[in-house]
Amino acid sequence: MERNLAALRLFWPTRSQATSLERQMRELGDTVDAFYDLFSEKNWIFHDHLSVSVIQDILAQAPQDAERAEAMLIEHYHDSERLSFMIRMLRKLPAMSRRLALVDRAQEDYFAGRYYACIHVLLTRL
């Protein structure tokens, strides 16, 4: 990342834009590191569909409290619109077509409070 950023600086139109990009990259890296520092023993995975701002908010509110932070993260996933959006993205993947019925049933079970396999089926597919 550092090497790529150094190369970008050579071609970036202004120094302030390069500095801004560098700050954003470091902030993202720090967020991911803090996420894993807090959640790694709970086996959570940072992925591209997580809202960085939501994760930063969770980390700010519960920086040393993994239990509270995990409850906040679960609440984030429990939003039906958010989870439905992530599942809709799966529908675009041809390889998922055979699994969509299972994903739909897992989503229904999740919101009905039947968690027996939902986490494995839903969250590992998103």
N, C-alpha and C. Protein backbone atom coordinates (compact mmCIF):
# COMPACT_ATOMS: atom_id res chain seq x y z
N MET A 1 0.82 -1.17 0.00
CA MET A 1 0.00 0.00 0.00
C MET A 1 0.88 1.26 0.00
N GLU A 2 1.89 1.22 0.83
CA GLU A 2 2.80 2.38 0.91
C GLU A 2 3.49 2.61 -0.44
N ARG A 3 3.92 1.53 -1.08
CA ARG A 3 4.59 1.66 -2.37
C ARG A 3 3.65 2.24 -3.43
N ASN A 4 2.42 1.73 -3.43
CA ASN A 4 1.43 2.23 -4.39
C ASN A 4 1.13 3.70 -4.15
N LEU A 5 1.04 4.08 -2.90
CA LEU A 5 0.78 5.48 -2.57
C LEU A 5 1.94 6.36 -3.02
N ALA A 6 3.16 5.89 -2.82
CA ALA A 6 4.33 6.65 -3.26
C ALA A 6 4.31 6.84 -4.78
N ALA A 7 3.92 5.80 -5.51
CA ALA A 7 3.83 5.90 -6.96
C ALA A 7 2.72 6.87 -7.37
N LEU A 8 1.60 6.82 -6.67
CA LEU A 8 0.49 7.73 -6.97
C LEU A 8 0.88 9.18 -6.79
N ARG A 9 1.71 9.46 -5.78
CA ARG A 9 2.13 10.84 -5.51
C ARG A 9 2.82 11.47 -6.74
N LEU A 10 3.50 10.62 -7.52
CA LEU A 10 4.20 11.13 -8.70
C LEU A 10 3.23 11.65 -9.76
N PHE A 11 2.03 11.05 -9.81
CA PHE A 11 1.08 11.39 -10.86
C PHE A 11 -0.12 12.19 -10.38
N TRP A 12 -0.25 12.36 -9.08
CA TRP A 12 -1.41 13.05 -8.52
C TRP A 12 -1.35 14.54 -8.86
N PRO A 13 -2.47 15.13 -9.25
CA PRO A 13 -2.46 16.55 -9.66
C PRO A 13 -1.99 17.52 -8.58
N THR A 14 -2.43 17.33 -7.36
CA THR A 14 -2.01 18.26 -6.32
C THR A 14 -1.53 17.51 -5.10
N ARG A 15 -0.66 18.15 -4.36
CA ARG A 15 -0.12 17.55 -3.14
C ARG A 15 -1.22 17.35 -2.10
N SER A 16 -2.17 18.27 -2.01
CA SER A 16 -3.24 18.15 -1.01
C SER A 16 -4.12 16.93 -1.29
N GLN A 17 -4.34 16.62 -2.57
CA GLN A 17 -5.13 15.43 -2.90
C GLN A 17 -4.38 14.16 -2.49
N ALA A 18 -3.09 14.14 -2.74
CA ALA A 18 -2.29 12.98 -2.36
C ALA A 18 -2.27 12.83 -0.84
N THR A 19 -2.14 13.95 -0.14
CA THR A 19 -2.12 13.92 1.32
C THR A 19 -3.47 13.42 1.86
N SER A 20 -4.54 13.87 1.25
CA SER A 20 -5.88 13.44 1.66
C SER A 20 -6.05 11.94 1.44
N LEU A 21 -5.61 11.44 0.29
CA LEU A 21 -5.71 10.01 0.01
C LEU A 21 -4.87 9.21 0.99
N GLU A 22 -3.69 9.70 1.29
CA GLU A 22 -2.81 9.02 2.26
C GLU A 22 -3.49 8.95 3.64
N ARG A 23 -4.09 10.05 4.06
CA ARG A 23 -4.79 10.08 5.35
C ARG A 23 -5.95 9.08 5.36
N GLN A 24 -6.70 9.04 4.29
CA GLN A 24 -7.83 8.11 4.21
C GLN A 24 -7.36 6.65 4.24
N MET A 25 -6.28 6.36 3.56
CA MET A 25 -5.74 5.00 3.56
C MET A 25 -5.26 4.59 4.94
N ARG A 26 -4.58 5.50 5.61
CA ARG A 26 -4.11 5.20 6.97
C ARG A 26 -5.28 5.02 7.93
N GLU A 27 -6.31 5.86 7.78
CA GLU A 27 -7.49 5.77 8.62
C GLU A 27 -8.20 4.42 8.42
N LEU A 28 -8.31 3.99 7.16
CA LEU A 28 -8.92 2.69 6.88
C LEU A 28 -8.08 1.56 7.48
N GLY A 29 -6.78 1.64 7.30
CA GLY A 29 -5.90 0.62 7.87
C GLY A 29 -5.99 0.57 9.39
N ASP A 30 -6.02 1.74 10.01
CA ASP A 30 -6.15 1.80 11.47
C ASP A 30 -7.49 1.23 11.93
N THR A 31 -8.56 1.49 11.16
CA THR A 31 -9.88 0.97 11.50
C THR A 31 -9.89 -0.55 11.42
N VAL A 32 -9.33 -1.09 10.37
CA VAL A 32 -9.29 -2.55 10.21
C VAL A 32 -8.45 -3.17 11.32
N ASP A 33 -7.31 -2.58 11.64
CA ASP A 33 -6.48 -3.09 12.73
C ASP A 33 -7.23 -3.07 14.06
N ALA A 34 -7.90 -1.97 14.35
CA ALA A 34 -8.66 -1.86 15.60
C ALA A 34 -9.81 -2.85 15.63
N PHE A 35 -10.44 -3.06 14.48
CA PHE A 35 -11.53 -4.06 14.37
C PHE A 35 -11.01 -5.43 14.79
N TYR A 36 -9.88 -5.84 14.21
CA TYR A 36 -9.35 -7.16 14.53
C TYR A 36 -8.79 -7.24 15.95
N ASP A 37 -8.26 -6.15 16.46
CA ASP A 37 -7.81 -6.15 17.85
C ASP A 37 -8.98 -6.44 18.79
N LEU A 38 -10.14 -5.89 18.45
CA LEU A 38 -11.31 -6.04 19.31
C LEU A 38 -12.09 -7.32 19.03
N PHE A 39 -12.22 -7.69 17.77
CA PHE A 39 -13.12 -8.78 17.38
C PHE A 39 -12.46 -10.10 17.00
N SER A 40 -11.15 -10.16 16.92
CA SER A 40 -10.51 -11.37 16.40
C SER A 40 -10.82 -12.61 17.22
N GLU A 41 -10.87 -12.48 18.53
CA GLU A 41 -11.17 -13.66 19.35
C GLU A 41 -12.62 -14.09 19.24
N LYS A 42 -13.45 -13.25 18.67
CA LYS A 42 -14.86 -13.57 18.46
C LYS A 42 -15.11 -14.04 17.03
N ASN A 43 -14.04 -14.13 16.25
CA ASN A 43 -14.07 -14.66 14.89
C ASN A 43 -14.88 -13.84 13.90
N TRP A 44 -14.98 -12.55 14.12
CA TRP A 44 -15.62 -11.67 13.15
C TRP A 44 -14.62 -11.33 12.05
N ILE A 45 -15.13 -11.11 10.85
CA ILE A 45 -14.29 -10.81 9.70
C ILE A 45 -14.69 -9.46 9.12
N PHE A 46 -13.71 -8.62 8.91
CA PHE A 46 -13.95 -7.33 8.25
C PHE A 46 -14.05 -7.61 6.75
N HIS A 47 -15.12 -7.15 6.11
CA HIS A 47 -15.29 -7.40 4.68
C HIS A 47 -15.75 -6.13 3.98
N ASP A 48 -15.78 -6.20 2.68
CA ASP A 48 -16.04 -5.00 1.89
C ASP A 48 -17.48 -4.49 1.97
N HIS A 49 -18.38 -5.25 2.55
CA HIS A 49 -19.76 -4.78 2.68
C HIS A 49 -20.04 -4.17 4.05
N LEU A 50 -19.05 -4.15 4.91
CA LEU A 50 -19.21 -3.46 6.19
C LEU A 50 -19.04 -1.97 5.97
N SER A 51 -19.87 -1.20 6.60
CA SER A 51 -19.73 0.25 6.54
C SER A 51 -18.57 0.66 7.44
N VAL A 52 -17.58 1.30 6.86
CA VAL A 52 -16.42 1.74 7.63
C VAL A 52 -16.86 2.73 8.70
N SER A 53 -17.79 3.62 8.37
CA SER A 53 -18.24 4.60 9.36
C SER A 53 -18.97 3.93 10.52
N VAL A 54 -19.74 2.87 10.24
CA VAL A 54 -20.42 2.14 11.32
C VAL A 54 -19.39 1.47 12.21
N ILE A 55 -18.39 0.85 11.61
CA ILE A 55 -17.35 0.19 12.39
C ILE A 55 -16.58 1.22 13.21
N GLN A 56 -16.27 2.36 12.64
CA GLN A 56 -15.57 3.40 13.39
C GLN A 56 -16.42 3.88 14.56
N ASP A 57 -17.71 4.00 14.36
CA ASP A 57 -18.61 4.41 15.43
C ASP A 57 -18.63 3.37 16.56
N ILE A 58 -18.72 2.09 16.18
CA ILE A 58 -18.70 1.01 17.18
C ILE A 58 -17.39 1.05 17.96
N LEU A 59 -16.29 1.19 17.25
CA LEU A 59 -14.98 1.21 17.91
C LEU A 59 -14.84 2.43 18.83
N ALA A 60 -15.45 3.55 18.46
CA ALA A 60 -15.39 4.75 19.30
C ALA A 60 -16.25 4.59 20.55
N GLN A 61 -17.38 3.90 20.42
CA GLN A 61 -18.28 3.75 21.56
C GLN A 61 -17.87 2.64 22.52
N ALA A 62 -17.22 1.63 21.99
CA ALA A 62 -16.85 0.49 22.85
C ALA A 62 -15.43 0.02 22.50
N PRO A 63 -14.43 0.88 22.67
CA PRO A 63 -13.08 0.54 22.21
C PRO A 63 -12.42 -0.62 22.95
N GLN A 64 -12.82 -0.86 24.18
CA GLN A 64 -12.20 -1.94 24.97
C GLN A 64 -13.22 -2.98 25.41
N ASP A 65 -14.44 -2.87 24.97
CA ASP A 65 -15.52 -3.74 25.43
C ASP A 65 -16.01 -4.61 24.28
N ALA A 66 -15.38 -5.76 24.09
CA ALA A 66 -15.71 -6.63 22.97
C ALA A 66 -17.16 -7.12 23.02
N GLU A 67 -17.69 -7.35 24.20
CA GLU A 67 -19.07 -7.82 24.32
C GLU A 67 -20.05 -6.75 23.81
N ARG A 68 -19.86 -5.53 24.29
CA ARG A 68 -20.75 -4.44 23.86
C ARG A 68 -20.57 -4.16 22.37
N ALA A 69 -19.33 -4.15 21.90
CA ALA A 69 -19.07 -3.90 20.48
C ALA A 69 -19.70 -4.99 19.62
N GLU A 70 -19.62 -6.22 20.07
CA GLU A 70 -20.23 -7.31 19.30
C GLU A 70 -21.74 -7.15 19.25
N ALA A 71 -22.35 -6.76 20.35
CA ALA A 71 -23.80 -6.54 20.37
C ALA A 71 -24.17 -5.43 19.38
N MET A 72 -23.36 -4.40 19.31
CA MET A 72 -23.61 -3.31 18.37
C MET A 72 -23.46 -3.79 16.92
N LEU A 73 -22.47 -4.63 16.68
CA LEU A 73 -22.25 -5.15 15.33
C LEU A 73 -23.41 -6.06 14.92
N ILE A 74 -23.88 -6.88 15.84
CA ILE A 74 -25.02 -7.75 15.56
C ILE A 74 -26.26 -6.91 15.26
N GLU A 75 -26.44 -5.84 16.02
CA GLU A 75 -27.56 -4.93 15.77
C GLU A 75 -27.47 -4.34 14.36
N HIS A 76 -26.27 -4.02 13.95
CA HIS A 76 -26.06 -3.51 12.59
C HIS A 76 -26.54 -4.52 11.55
N TYR A 77 -26.22 -5.78 11.74
CA TYR A 77 -26.65 -6.83 10.82
C TYR A 77 -28.14 -7.12 10.93
N HIS A 78 -28.74 -6.80 12.05
CA HIS A 78 -30.14 -7.15 12.26
C HIS A 78 -31.10 -6.20 11.53
N ASP A 79 -30.60 -5.18 10.92
CA ASP A 79 -31.42 -4.27 10.13
C ASP A 79 -31.85 -5.02 8.86
N SER A 80 -33.16 -5.24 8.70
CA SER A 80 -33.65 -6.06 7.59
C SER A 80 -33.31 -5.45 6.22
N GLU A 81 -33.36 -4.14 6.11
CA GLU A 81 -33.04 -3.51 4.83
C GLU A 81 -31.57 -3.70 4.47
N ARG A 82 -30.70 -3.56 5.45
CA ARG A 82 -29.26 -3.70 5.21
C ARG A 82 -28.93 -5.13 4.78
N LEU A 83 -29.46 -6.09 5.51
CA LEU A 83 -29.19 -7.48 5.18
C LEU A 83 -29.81 -7.84 3.83
N SER A 84 -31.02 -7.35 3.56
CA SER A 84 -31.67 -7.62 2.27
C SER A 84 -30.85 -7.05 1.12
N PHE A 85 -30.28 -5.86 1.32
CA PHE A 85 -29.42 -5.26 0.29
C PHE A 85 -28.22 -6.15 0.01
N MET A 86 -27.57 -6.64 1.06
CA MET A 86 -26.40 -7.49 0.86
C MET A 86 -26.79 -8.79 0.15
N ILE A 87 -27.96 -9.31 0.49
CA ILE A 87 -28.42 -10.54 -0.16
C ILE A 87 -28.77 -10.28 -1.63
N ARG A 88 -29.37 -9.13 -1.91
CA ARG A 88 -29.69 -8.79 -3.31
C ARG A 88 -28.43 -8.78 -4.16
N MET A 89 -27.34 -8.38 -3.60
CA MET A 89 -26.08 -8.37 -4.35
C MET A 89 -25.68 -9.79 -4.74
N LEU A 90 -26.04 -10.77 -3.91
CA LEU A 90 -25.72 -12.16 -4.23
C LEU A 90 -26.47 -12.63 -5.46
N ARG A 91 -27.65 -12.11 -5.68
CA ARG A 91 -28.49 -12.53 -6.81
C ARG A 91 -27.83 -12.22 -8.15
N LYS A 92 -26.87 -11.32 -8.16
CA LYS A 92 -26.17 -10.96 -9.39
C LYS A 92 -25.07 -11.97 -9.75
N LEU A 93 -24.75 -12.84 -8.82
CA LEU A 93 -23.66 -13.79 -9.04
C LEU A 93 -24.19 -15.10 -9.59
N PRO A 94 -23.81 -15.47 -10.79
CA PRO A 94 -24.32 -16.73 -11.37
C PRO A 94 -24.05 -17.95 -10.48
N ALA A 95 -22.91 -17.98 -9.82
CA ALA A 95 -22.57 -19.13 -8.98
C ALA A 95 -23.50 -19.28 -7.79
N MET A 96 -24.20 -18.20 -7.41
CA MET A 96 -25.10 -18.26 -6.26
C MET A 96 -26.50 -18.74 -6.62
N SER A 97 -26.82 -18.84 -7.89
CA SER A 97 -28.20 -19.16 -8.30
C SER A 97 -28.71 -20.46 -7.66
N ARG A 98 -27.87 -21.46 -7.53
CA ARG A 98 -28.30 -22.73 -6.92
C ARG A 98 -28.51 -22.60 -5.42
N ARG A 99 -27.94 -21.58 -4.79
CA ARG A 99 -28.01 -21.45 -3.33
C ARG A 99 -29.02 -20.41 -2.85
N LEU A 100 -29.63 -19.68 -3.76
CA LEU A 100 -30.49 -18.57 -3.36
C LEU A 100 -31.69 -19.00 -2.53
N ALA A 101 -32.26 -20.15 -2.82
CA ALA A 101 -33.40 -20.62 -2.01
C ALA A 101 -32.95 -20.85 -0.57
N LEU A 102 -31.77 -21.40 -0.39
CA LEU A 102 -31.23 -21.62 0.95
C LEU A 102 -30.96 -20.28 1.65
N VAL A 103 -30.41 -19.34 0.93
CA VAL A 103 -30.14 -18.02 1.49
C VAL A 103 -31.45 -17.33 1.89
N ASP A 104 -32.46 -17.43 1.03
CA ASP A 104 -33.77 -16.83 1.35
C ASP A 104 -34.37 -17.44 2.62
N ARG A 105 -34.28 -18.76 2.74
CA ARG A 105 -34.82 -19.42 3.95
C ARG A 105 -34.00 -19.04 5.18
N ALA A 106 -32.70 -18.92 5.03
CA ALA A 106 -31.85 -18.52 6.16
C ALA A 106 -32.17 -17.10 6.59
N GLN A 107 -32.42 -16.21 5.63
CA GLN A 107 -32.78 -14.84 5.98
C GLN A 107 -34.11 -14.82 6.73
N GLU A 108 -35.07 -15.57 6.25
CA GLU A 108 -36.37 -15.65 6.93
C GLU A 108 -36.20 -16.20 8.35
N ASP A 109 -35.41 -17.25 8.49
CA ASP A 109 -35.17 -17.83 9.82
C ASP A 109 -34.45 -16.84 10.73
N TYR A 110 -33.52 -16.10 10.20
CA TYR A 110 -32.77 -15.13 11.00
C TYR A 110 -33.71 -14.09 11.61
N PHE A 111 -34.58 -13.53 10.80
CA PHE A 111 -35.48 -12.49 11.31
C PHE A 111 -36.61 -13.06 12.15
N ALA A 112 -36.81 -14.37 12.08
CA ALA A 112 -37.79 -15.02 12.95
C ALA A 112 -37.14 -15.48 14.26
N GLY A 113 -35.83 -15.26 14.42
CA GLY A 113 -35.14 -15.64 15.65
C GLY A 113 -34.70 -17.09 15.67
N ARG A 114 -34.73 -17.74 14.54
CA ARG A 114 -34.27 -19.14 14.45
C ARG A 114 -32.84 -19.10 13.87
N TYR A 115 -31.87 -19.09 14.78
CA TYR A 115 -30.49 -18.83 14.38
C TYR A 115 -29.64 -20.08 14.16
N TYR A 116 -30.22 -21.24 14.11
CA TYR A 116 -29.47 -22.49 14.12
C TYR A 116 -28.37 -22.57 13.07
N ALA A 117 -28.56 -22.04 11.88
CA ALA A 117 -27.50 -22.07 10.87
C ALA A 117 -27.43 -20.78 10.08
N CYS A 118 -28.18 -19.80 10.48
CA CYS A 118 -28.26 -18.55 9.71
C CYS A 118 -26.92 -17.86 9.57
N ILE A 119 -26.19 -17.79 10.64
CA ILE A 119 -24.92 -17.07 10.59
C ILE A 119 -24.01 -17.70 9.55
N HIS A 120 -23.90 -19.01 9.60
CA HIS A 120 -23.04 -19.70 8.63
C HIS A 120 -23.54 -19.48 7.20
N VAL A 121 -24.82 -19.61 6.97
CA VAL A 121 -25.36 -19.51 5.62
C VAL A 121 -25.34 -18.07 5.13
N LEU A 122 -25.81 -17.15 5.94
CA LEU A 122 -25.93 -15.77 5.46
C LEU A 122 -24.62 -15.00 5.50
N LEU A 123 -23.99 -14.93 6.63
CA LEU A 123 -22.84 -14.04 6.77
C LEU A 123 -21.62 -14.53 6.01
N THR A 124 -21.49 -15.83 5.83
CA THR A 124 -20.34 -16.30 5.07
C THR A 124 -20.56 -16.14 3.56
N ARG A 125 -21.75 -15.84 3.16
CA ARG A 125 -22.05 -15.64 1.73
C ARG A 125 -22.02 -14.18 1.35
N LEU A 126 -22.00 -13.29 2.32
CA LEU A 126 -22.10 -11.86 2.00
C LEU A 126 -20.74 -11.26 1.72
